[in-house]
């Protein structure tokens, strides 16, 4: 028995941002889920528009969306909690960088 797998890739760059529907597809989600991500502040459209179909996102947004999806899947958290967790993780990374820059964070 032979099986085949089809893989689709999308190149992300400043000149080719991701549409909201593409972001949803990349995360295995629906467009409504992307709208919720924007509403709770996990991601922000790089081209503000009224309609989600006109929103565009960059690679960092995809990374945040995938992290939110993982938190939902692995820990059963809601998007409000995911937004808080992601914000705290970002702040911890920033503070560790500050400590390292000052020579105080070698053991972190």
Protein backbone atom coordinates (compact mmCIF):
# COMPACT_ATOMS: atom_id res chain seq x y z
CA UNK A 1 0.00 0.00 0.00
CA UNK A 2 1.37 3.39 -1.01
CA UNK A 3 0.31 6.71 0.42
CA UNK A 4 1.18 10.20 -0.66
CA UNK A 5 1.34 13.46 1.17
CA UNK A 6 0.81 16.83 -0.43
CA UNK A 7 2.60 19.79 1.11
CA UNK A 8 1.89 23.39 0.28
CA UNK A 9 4.30 26.12 1.30
CA UNK A 10 3.95 29.85 1.30
CA UNK A 11 6.87 32.21 1.35
CA UNK A 12 6.48 35.05 3.82
CA UNK A 13 8.17 38.35 3.28
CA UNK A 14 7.45 42.02 3.67
CA UNK A 15 6.52 42.07 0.00
CA UNK A 16 4.19 39.07 0.35
CA UNK A 17 2.29 39.24 3.64
CA UNK A 18 -0.17 36.52 4.58
CA UNK A 19 -3.90 37.04 4.06
CA UNK A 20 -6.15 36.24 7.02
CA UNK A 21 -7.50 33.16 5.25
CA UNK A 22 -3.94 31.94 4.57
CA UNK A 23 -3.03 32.48 8.21
CA UNK A 24 -6.08 30.51 9.29
CA UNK A 25 -5.21 27.68 6.91
CA UNK A 26 -1.59 27.59 8.09
CA UNK A 27 -2.85 27.15 11.66
CA UNK A 28 -5.51 24.60 10.78
CA UNK A 29 -8.21 27.01 11.85
CA UNK A 30 -11.13 28.98 10.50
CA UNK A 31 -11.15 32.69 9.63
CA UNK A 32 -13.31 33.40 12.71
CA UNK A 33 -10.44 32.14 14.88
CA UNK A 34 -8.06 34.67 13.26
CA UNK A 35 -10.61 37.41 13.95
CA UNK A 36 -10.61 36.35 17.61
CA UNK A 37 -6.78 36.49 17.68
CA UNK A 38 -6.94 40.09 16.50
CA UNK A 39 -9.72 40.94 18.97
CA UNK A 40 -7.73 39.69 22.00
CA UNK A 41 -4.51 41.31 20.74
CA UNK A 42 -2.43 38.21 20.00
CA UNK A 43 -1.82 39.44 16.46
CA UNK A 44 -2.40 42.70 14.64
CA UNK A 45 -3.20 43.22 10.99
CA UNK A 46 -0.36 45.01 9.19
CA UNK A 47 -2.92 46.58 6.88
CA UNK A 48 -5.83 47.77 9.02
CA UNK A 49 -9.09 47.28 7.22
CA UNK A 50 -12.72 46.75 8.09
CA UNK A 51 -13.02 43.34 6.49
CA UNK A 52 -10.86 40.41 7.66
CA UNK A 53 -10.47 39.42 4.00
CA UNK A 54 -8.36 42.58 3.55
CA UNK A 55 -6.11 42.01 6.59
CA UNK A 56 -2.46 41.08 6.02
CA UNK A 57 -0.01 39.47 8.45
CA UNK A 58 3.74 38.86 8.61
CA UNK A 59 5.83 35.92 9.76
CA UNK A 60 5.90 37.04 13.41
CA UNK A 61 2.10 37.03 13.40
CA UNK A 62 2.08 33.49 12.07
CA UNK A 63 4.48 32.44 14.82
CA UNK A 64 2.24 34.00 17.50
CA UNK A 65 -0.85 32.41 15.99
CA UNK A 66 0.80 28.98 15.96
CA UNK A 67 1.86 29.44 19.59
CA UNK A 68 -1.72 30.38 20.53
CA UNK A 69 -2.98 27.30 18.69
CA UNK A 70 -0.49 25.12 20.58
CA UNK A 71 -1.56 26.57 23.92
CA UNK A 72 -5.20 25.87 23.05
CA UNK A 73 -4.45 22.32 21.93
CA UNK A 74 -1.90 21.25 24.54
CA UNK A 75 -3.24 23.03 27.61
CA UNK A 76 -6.87 23.76 26.79
CA UNK A 77 -6.52 27.50 27.40
CA UNK A 78 -8.81 30.08 25.88
CA UNK A 79 -7.52 32.86 23.67
CA UNK A 80 -7.68 35.44 26.48
CA UNK A 81 -5.38 33.25 28.59
CA UNK A 82 -3.19 32.53 25.57
CA UNK A 83 -2.78 36.27 24.99
CA UNK A 84 -1.64 36.72 28.59
CA UNK A 85 0.75 33.75 28.44
CA UNK A 86 2.30 34.93 25.18
CA UNK A 87 2.69 38.46 26.53
CA UNK A 88 4.39 37.15 29.68
CA UNK A 89 6.71 34.89 27.66
CA UNK A 90 7.71 37.86 25.50
CA UNK A 91 8.40 39.99 28.58
CA UNK A 92 10.52 37.27 30.21
CA UNK A 93 12.61 36.94 27.02
CA UNK A 94 13.04 40.72 26.88
CA UNK A 95 14.11 40.94 30.51
CA UNK A 96 16.57 38.06 30.12
CA UNK A 97 18.08 39.91 27.17
CA UNK A 98 18.47 43.04 29.27
CA UNK A 99 20.19 41.05 32.02
CA UNK A 100 22.51 39.35 29.54
CA UNK A 101 23.37 42.72 27.98
CA UNK A 102 24.37 43.97 31.43
CA UNK A 103 26.44 40.86 32.08
CA UNK A 104 24.11 39.71 34.85
CA UNK A 105 22.27 36.91 33.11
CA UNK A 106 24.89 34.32 32.31
CA UNK A 107 23.22 31.65 34.40
CA UNK A 108 19.72 32.38 33.05
